[in-house]
Amino acid sequence: MKNNQIGIVGVGYWGTNIVNVLKKIGVKNICCYDRVSNNLKEIKKKFPKIKIENNYKKFLKNKFDGIIIAVDTNSHFQIAKDCLNNGFNIFVEKPVTNNIKKLKYLDKLANSKKLFIMSGYVYFYNDYIKYIKKILKKNYLGKIYYVSCERLNLGPVRNDINSAWDLSSHDIAICKYLFEKNLSIKNIYGYDFLKKNINDITSISATIDQIKFDIKSSWLNPEKIRKIIIVGKKKMLLFNELDFDSPIKIYNKYANYPKVNNFKKNFFTQKANIYFGSTFSPKIKFSSPLENEMKEFLLCLNGNKKPLTSSKISIDIMKTLEKLK
């Protein structure tokens, strides 16, 4: 893995994070391309031993084992197409493209060349989300009634995709991973304040089978919030990504109405029975999701496994995102 030659297209904020992680896990041969010369200068300052290239055609002539694409969404398709046509396996930050036709084209192209596309849905590699999936499989919370997702902050503001595509796409991917089915969108509300036709605030209601979902996103919020609440028949779960001490809390609380045949004669109550039990915060060994994701990319490059966030997963998520335009 350490000897893999990795190319990176785009070394802005997120691309720099990726370079940092690759160096941390021992990747020595990294070459970066960015059309913004200042980005290349900055990345060279931070990591003097990496190679930089300001000529796109020369960059693609390198003998890379794989290329990571971390630029604006509107640029993904052409760059991904160029990389595949030059024989490179690719990792593309989410969403892979801005529409499903382009994504299906890339998927078909990759298959025809026996290459793979791995997409950057980083929560698939989050240890807390994996834990939640495990307890859902065990039916620990009981029948699931409701899931609420909130992803709010002040910025960063995008000008190429709306807040749902940028922020709620994470939660849509999480729900896909946890419940292994696509969300069925029922209603979408959005508000564009900063730029016409690009929603800064969105609210989505959806279902999977009988489970109800509310997914909220905003980059115009004074407080940073990253929360998922799952309401089950037996217990409730809160995942607060910003609570570093106890990110997951399981509440042994539930409510139910007693059966009518249990009522005593001449007795009736309109209130449900509320049960309050203890709250449990599991101790989970946590590792960086981005590190986990990059390690998986390297394993896939070396033929040791297929990507969890494959083209098929991206297409499924994109089917939902297409309904949010």
Protein backbone atom coordinates (compact mmCIF):
# COMPACT_ATOMS: atom_id res chain seq x y z
CA MET A 1 0.00 0.00 0.00
CA LYS A 2 2.84 2.38 0.83
CA ASN A 3 4.26 2.03 -2.69
CA ASN A 4 1.01 2.89 -4.47
CA GLN A 5 1.28 5.89 -6.78
CA ILE A 6 -1.71 8.13 -6.19
CA GLY A 7 -2.81 11.12 -8.23
CA ILE A 8 -5.05 13.80 -6.76
CA VAL A 9 -7.07 16.27 -8.81
CA GLY A 10 -8.03 19.25 -6.64
CA VAL A 11 -6.12 20.31 -3.54
CA GLY A 12 -8.42 22.87 -2.01
CA TYR A 13 -9.70 22.39 1.53
CA TRP A 14 -10.89 18.79 1.19
CA GLY A 15 -8.17 17.67 -1.19
CA THR A 16 -5.59 18.92 1.32
CA ASN A 17 -7.28 16.81 4.02
CA ILE A 18 -6.98 13.77 1.77
CA VAL A 19 -3.28 14.39 1.11
CA ASN A 20 -2.71 14.72 4.86
CA VAL A 21 -4.46 11.38 5.52
CA LEU A 22 -2.59 9.58 2.73
CA LYS A 23 0.73 10.79 4.15
CA LYS A 24 -0.38 9.74 7.64
CA ILE A 25 -1.14 6.17 6.55
CA GLY A 26 2.21 5.91 4.79
CA VAL A 27 1.56 6.65 1.10
CA LYS A 28 4.80 8.11 -0.25
CA ASN A 29 4.15 8.60 -3.97
CA ILE A 30 1.60 11.38 -4.41
CA CYS A 31 1.22 13.78 -7.33
CA CYS A 32 -1.26 16.66 -7.20
CA TYR A 33 -2.89 18.64 -9.99
CA ASP A 34 -4.99 21.76 -9.55
CA ARG A 35 -5.89 24.42 -12.07
CA VAL A 36 -5.47 27.03 -9.30
CA SER A 37 -1.73 27.63 -9.02
CA ASN A 38 -1.97 29.00 -5.46
CA ASN A 39 -3.46 25.69 -4.30
CA LEU A 40 -0.44 23.86 -5.70
CA LYS A 41 1.96 26.29 -4.01
CA GLU A 42 0.18 25.82 -0.66
CA ILE A 43 0.14 22.03 -0.86
CA LYS A 44 3.86 22.01 -1.73
CA LYS A 45 4.57 24.20 1.32
CA LYS A 46 2.68 21.84 3.60
CA PHE A 47 4.07 18.65 2.07
CA PRO A 48 7.43 19.42 0.40
CA LYS A 49 8.04 15.82 -0.73
CA ILE A 50 4.93 15.44 -2.87
CA LYS A 51 4.97 16.14 -6.60
CA ILE A 52 2.85 18.84 -8.18
CA GLU A 53 1.79 19.26 -11.79
CA ASN A 54 0.07 22.29 -13.33
CA ASN A 55 -0.42 20.69 -16.76
CA TYR A 56 -3.47 18.43 -16.88
CA LYS A 57 -2.37 16.39 -19.92
CA LYS A 58 1.07 15.75 -18.40
CA PHE A 59 -0.57 14.79 -15.10
CA LEU A 60 -2.63 12.07 -16.84
CA LYS A 61 0.52 10.59 -18.42
CA ASN A 62 1.78 9.46 -14.99
CA LYS A 63 1.67 5.77 -14.06
CA PHE A 64 -0.83 6.07 -11.23
CA ASP A 65 -2.40 3.12 -9.46
CA GLY A 66 -5.44 5.30 -8.84
CA ILE A 67 -6.66 8.89 -8.96
CA ILE A 68 -8.68 10.79 -6.37
CA ILE A 69 -10.98 13.55 -7.66
CA ALA A 70 -11.81 16.30 -5.15
CA VAL A 71 -13.03 19.28 -7.17
CA ASP A 72 -16.42 20.99 -7.60
CA THR A 73 -19.26 18.63 -8.56
CA ASN A 74 -19.80 20.18 -12.00
CA SER A 75 -16.22 19.24 -12.97
CA HIS A 76 -16.42 15.60 -11.81
CA PHE A 77 -17.84 14.05 -14.95
CA GLN A 78 -15.24 15.20 -17.48
CA ILE A 79 -12.29 14.52 -15.17
CA ALA A 80 -13.63 11.09 -14.20
CA LYS A 81 -14.18 10.27 -17.89
CA ASP A 82 -10.62 11.35 -18.75
CA CYS A 83 -9.15 9.27 -15.93
CA LEU A 84 -11.10 6.14 -16.90
CA ASN A 85 -10.18 6.55 -20.56
CA ASN A 86 -6.54 6.69 -19.48
CA GLY A 87 -6.92 3.41 -17.60
CA PHE A 88 -7.10 4.65 -14.00
CA ASN A 89 -9.30 3.41 -11.16
CA ILE A 90 -10.84 6.43 -9.47
CA PHE A 91 -12.15 7.71 -6.18
CA VAL A 92 -14.62 10.59 -6.64
CA GLU A 93 -15.95 12.76 -3.84
CA LYS A 94 -19.71 12.75 -3.45
CA PRO A 95 -21.85 13.28 -5.40
CA VAL A 96 -19.99 11.59 -8.24
CA THR A 97 -21.84 13.61 -10.89
CA ASN A 98 -24.63 16.17 -11.02
CA ASN A 99 -27.08 13.82 -12.76
CA ILE A 100 -27.79 10.11 -13.01
CA LYS A 101 -27.30 9.82 -16.79
CA LYS A 102 -23.69 10.93 -16.46
CA LEU A 103 -23.14 8.58 -13.54
CA LYS A 104 -24.55 5.61 -15.46
CA TYR A 105 -22.30 6.52 -18.41
CA LEU A 106 -19.23 6.51 -16.15
CA ASP A 107 -20.30 3.22 -14.58
CA LYS A 108 -20.65 1.61 -18.02
CA LEU A 109 -17.29 3.04 -19.12
CA ALA A 110 -15.54 1.73 -16.00
CA ASN A 111 -17.04 -1.74 -16.44
CA SER A 112 -16.02 -1.86 -20.09
CA LYS A 113 -12.41 -1.14 -19.09
CA LYS A 114 -12.52 -3.43 -16.01
CA LEU A 115 -11.94 -0.48 -13.71
CA PHE A 116 -13.82 0.68 -10.63
CA ILE A 117 -15.30 3.92 -9.36
CA MET A 118 -15.34 4.42 -5.58
CA SER A 119 -17.46 7.30 -4.29
CA GLY A 120 -16.79 9.48 -1.27
CA TYR A 121 -19.72 8.70 1.00
CA VAL A 122 -17.53 8.86 4.08
CA TYR A 123 -20.21 7.88 6.62
CA PHE A 124 -20.14 4.33 5.29
CA TYR A 125 -16.73 4.20 6.98
CA ASN A 126 -17.78 5.83 10.24
CA ASP A 127 -17.43 3.51 13.27
CA TYR A 128 -20.44 5.06 15.03
CA ILE A 129 -22.70 4.55 12.02
CA LYS A 130 -21.44 0.95 11.74
CA TYR A 131 -22.37 0.43 15.41
CA ILE A 132 -25.88 1.83 14.84
CA LYS A 133 -26.34 -0.53 11.88
CA LYS A 134 -25.29 -3.45 14.07
CA ILE A 135 -27.86 -2.73 16.79
CA LEU A 136 -30.60 -2.14 14.20
CA LYS A 137 -29.82 -5.58 12.76
CA LYS A 138 -30.25 -7.04 16.25
CA ASN A 139 -33.63 -5.26 16.63
CA TYR A 140 -32.31 -3.70 19.85
CA LEU A 141 -34.54 -0.61 19.53
CA GLY A 142 -37.61 -2.61 18.54
CA LYS A 143 -39.72 -1.75 15.53
CA ILE A 144 -38.47 1.54 14.08
CA TYR A 145 -41.09 4.28 13.79
CA TYR A 146 -39.19 7.43 12.92
CA VAL A 147 -35.77 8.85 11.97
CA SER A 148 -34.79 12.52 12.18
CA CYS A 149 -31.58 13.87 10.61
CA GLU A 150 -30.29 17.41 11.07
CA ARG A 151 -27.19 18.79 9.35
CA LEU A 152 -26.97 22.53 9.94
CA ASN A 153 -24.18 25.10 10.04
CA LEU A 154 -23.15 28.57 8.92
CA GLY A 155 -21.39 27.70 5.65
CA PRO A 156 -19.57 26.54 3.72
CA VAL A 157 -21.91 27.86 1.03
CA ARG A 158 -21.86 26.15 -2.37
CA ASN A 159 -22.75 27.84 -5.63
CA ASP A 160 -22.95 24.72 -7.82
CA ILE A 161 -25.37 22.48 -5.86
CA ASN A 162 -28.03 23.14 -3.21
CA SER A 163 -27.82 22.33 0.51
CA ALA A 164 -29.71 19.06 0.05
CA TRP A 165 -27.20 17.76 -2.50
CA ASP A 166 -24.27 19.01 -0.43
CA LEU A 167 -25.45 18.21 3.13
CA SER A 168 -28.52 15.97 3.06
CA SER A 169 -26.76 13.66 0.63
CA HIS A 170 -24.75 12.48 3.66
CA ASP A 171 -27.93 11.61 5.57
CA ILE A 172 -29.56 10.02 2.54
CA ALA A 173 -26.45 7.85 2.20
CA ILE A 174 -26.52 7.02 5.93
CA CYS A 175 -30.19 5.95 5.73
CA LYS A 176 -29.41 3.85 2.65
CA TYR A 177 -26.56 2.16 4.55
CA LEU A 178 -28.52 1.61 7.78
CA PHE A 179 -31.75 0.30 6.26
CA GLU A 180 -30.37 -1.11 2.98
CA LYS A 181 -33.17 0.43 0.94
CA ASN A 182 -33.72 3.65 -0.99
CA LEU A 183 -35.71 6.48 0.55
CA SER A 184 -39.05 7.25 -1.05
CA ILE A 185 -39.35 11.05 -1.12
CA LYS A 186 -42.77 12.42 -0.14
CA ASN A 187 -42.26 16.18 0.24
CA ILE A 188 -39.44 18.71 -0.21
CA TYR A 189 -39.32 22.29 1.00
CA GLY A 190 -36.50 24.63 0.12
CA TYR A 191 -35.60 28.32 0.45
CA ASP A 192 -33.09 30.21 -1.70
CA PHE A 193 -31.82 33.42 -0.10
CA LEU A 194 -28.25 33.87 -1.33
CA LYS A 195 -28.56 32.72 -4.94
CA LYS A 196 -31.65 32.12 -7.03
CA ASN A 197 -32.64 28.45 -7.54
CA ILE A 198 -29.97 27.15 -5.15
CA ASN A 199 -31.65 26.30 -1.84
CA ASP A 200 -29.74 27.31 1.27
CA ILE A 201 -32.22 25.54 3.56
CA THR A 202 -34.07 22.30 2.78
CA SER A 203 -36.47 20.00 4.57
CA ILE A 204 -37.27 16.54 3.21
CA SER A 205 -39.91 14.07 4.36
CA ALA A 206 -39.53 10.48 3.17
CA THR A 207 -40.28 6.86 3.98
CA ILE A 208 -38.70 3.41 3.83
CA ASP A 209 -41.49 0.86 4.17
CA GLN A 210 -43.43 2.05 7.26
CA ILE A 211 -40.57 4.14 8.72
CA LYS A 212 -40.94 7.94 8.51
CA PHE A 213 -37.94 10.20 7.90
CA ASP A 214 -37.35 13.95 8.28
CA ILE A 215 -34.06 15.26 6.85
CA LYS A 216 -33.09 18.91 7.37
CA SER A 217 -30.11 20.78 5.98
CA SER A 218 -28.91 24.38 6.09
CA TRP A 219 -25.74 26.37 5.59
CA LEU A 220 -27.50 29.44 7.04
CA ASN A 221 -27.67 28.39 10.67
CA PRO A 222 -25.90 30.11 13.60
CA GLU A 223 -25.11 26.83 15.37
CA LYS A 224 -23.45 23.72 14.00
CA ILE A 225 -25.71 20.68 14.43
CA ARG A 226 -25.07 17.09 13.34
CA LYS A 227 -27.74 14.84 14.85
CA ILE A 228 -29.63 11.65 14.04
CA ILE A 229 -32.52 10.49 16.21
CA ILE A 230 -34.02 7.02 15.78
CA VAL A 231 -37.31 6.30 17.55
CA GLY A 232 -38.07 2.63 18.14
CA LYS A 233 -40.90 0.85 19.88
CA LYS A 234 -38.62 -0.25 22.76
CA LYS A 235 -35.87 2.37 22.85
CA MET A 236 -34.66 5.62 21.28
CA LEU A 237 -31.20 6.43 19.96
CA LEU A 238 -29.44 9.77 19.59
CA PHE A 239 -26.27 10.16 17.53
CA ASN A 240 -24.76 13.59 18.16
CA GLU A 241 -21.62 13.79 16.08
CA LEU A 242 -20.44 16.87 17.96
CA ASP A 243 -20.67 15.25 21.39
CA PHE A 244 -17.15 13.85 21.55
CA ASP A 245 -17.61 12.28 25.00
CA SER A 246 -20.86 10.38 24.34
CA PRO A 247 -21.73 10.59 20.63
CA ILE A 248 -24.28 7.76 20.88
CA LYS A 249 -26.90 7.61 23.60
CA ILE A 250 -29.54 4.90 23.82
CA TYR A 251 -32.58 5.88 25.85
CA ASN A 252 -34.57 3.10 27.45
CA LYS A 253 -37.77 5.09 27.03
CA TYR A 254 -40.95 4.33 25.18
CA ALA A 255 -44.65 5.04 25.17
CA ASN A 256 -47.67 2.82 24.53
CA TYR A 257 -51.39 2.82 25.11
CA PRO A 258 -52.74 0.01 27.28
CA LYS A 259 -55.16 -2.43 25.66
CA VAL A 260 -58.83 -1.69 26.26
CA ASN A 261 -59.50 -5.14 27.75
CA ASN A 262 -56.97 -4.32 30.49
CA PHE A 263 -59.06 -1.38 31.77
CA LYS A 264 -60.99 -1.84 34.97
CA LYS A 265 -64.75 -1.34 34.86
CA ASN A 266 -65.76 2.33 34.64
CA PHE A 267 -62.10 3.36 34.14
CA PHE A 268 -60.63 5.05 31.12
CA THR A 269 -57.51 7.13 30.47
CA GLN A 270 -56.54 9.16 27.42
CA LYS A 271 -52.87 9.05 28.36
CA ALA A 272 -50.27 6.61 27.08
CA ASN A 273 -48.09 4.73 29.52
CA ILE A 274 -44.66 6.32 29.47
CA TYR A 275 -41.72 4.17 30.51
CA PHE A 276 -38.49 5.83 31.63
CA GLY A 277 -35.48 3.56 31.97
CA SER A 278 -31.76 4.17 32.17
CA THR A 279 -29.69 5.84 29.43
CA PHE A 280 -26.77 3.92 27.94
CA SER A 281 -23.73 5.41 26.17
CA PRO A 282 -21.69 2.66 24.48
CA LYS A 283 -17.92 2.93 24.38
CA ILE A 284 -16.84 2.54 20.77
CA LYS A 285 -13.30 2.49 19.48
CA PHE A 286 -13.30 5.27 16.92
CA SER A 287 -10.94 5.77 14.01
CA SER A 288 -10.98 8.53 11.42
CA PRO A 289 -13.66 7.78 8.77
CA LEU A 290 -11.53 9.46 6.11
CA GLU A 291 -8.57 7.25 7.06
CA ASN A 292 -10.81 4.18 6.89
CA GLU A 293 -12.08 5.32 3.50
CA MET A 294 -8.60 5.94 2.06
CA LYS A 295 -7.35 2.58 3.38
CA GLU A 296 -10.27 0.89 1.62
CA PHE A 297 -9.41 2.69 -1.63
CA LEU A 298 -5.84 1.41 -1.40
CA LEU A 299 -7.03 -2.14 -0.65
CA CYS A 300 -9.31 -1.98 -3.70
CA LEU A 301 -6.43 -0.75 -5.87
CA ASN A 302 -4.41 -3.76 -4.77
CA GLY A 303 -7.26 -6.13 -5.66
CA ASN A 304 -7.96 -7.15 -2.07
CA LYS A 305 -11.63 -6.11 -2.06
CA LYS A 306 -14.37 -4.27 -3.91
CA PRO A 307 -15.41 -0.78 -2.76
CA LEU A 308 -18.28 -0.61 -0.28
CA THR A 309 -19.30 2.70 -1.87
CA SER A 310 -19.38 1.34 -5.40
CA SER A 311 -20.99 2.77 -8.54
CA LYS A 312 -24.13 0.78 -7.74
CA ILE A 313 -24.46 2.47 -4.34
CA SER A 314 -23.84 5.87 -5.94
CA ILE A 315 -26.55 5.24 -8.53
CA ASP A 316 -29.03 4.25 -5.80
CA ILE A 317 -28.26 7.44 -3.83
CA MET A 318 -28.40 9.52 -7.01
CA LYS A 319 -31.90 8.23 -7.76
CA THR A 320 -32.99 9.88 -4.53
CA LEU A 321 -30.94 13.06 -5.08
CA GLU A 322 -32.44 13.52 -8.56
CA LYS A 323 -35.81 14.06 -6.88
CA LEU A 324 -34.39 16.96 -4.84
CA LYS A 325 -33.65 19.25 -7.78
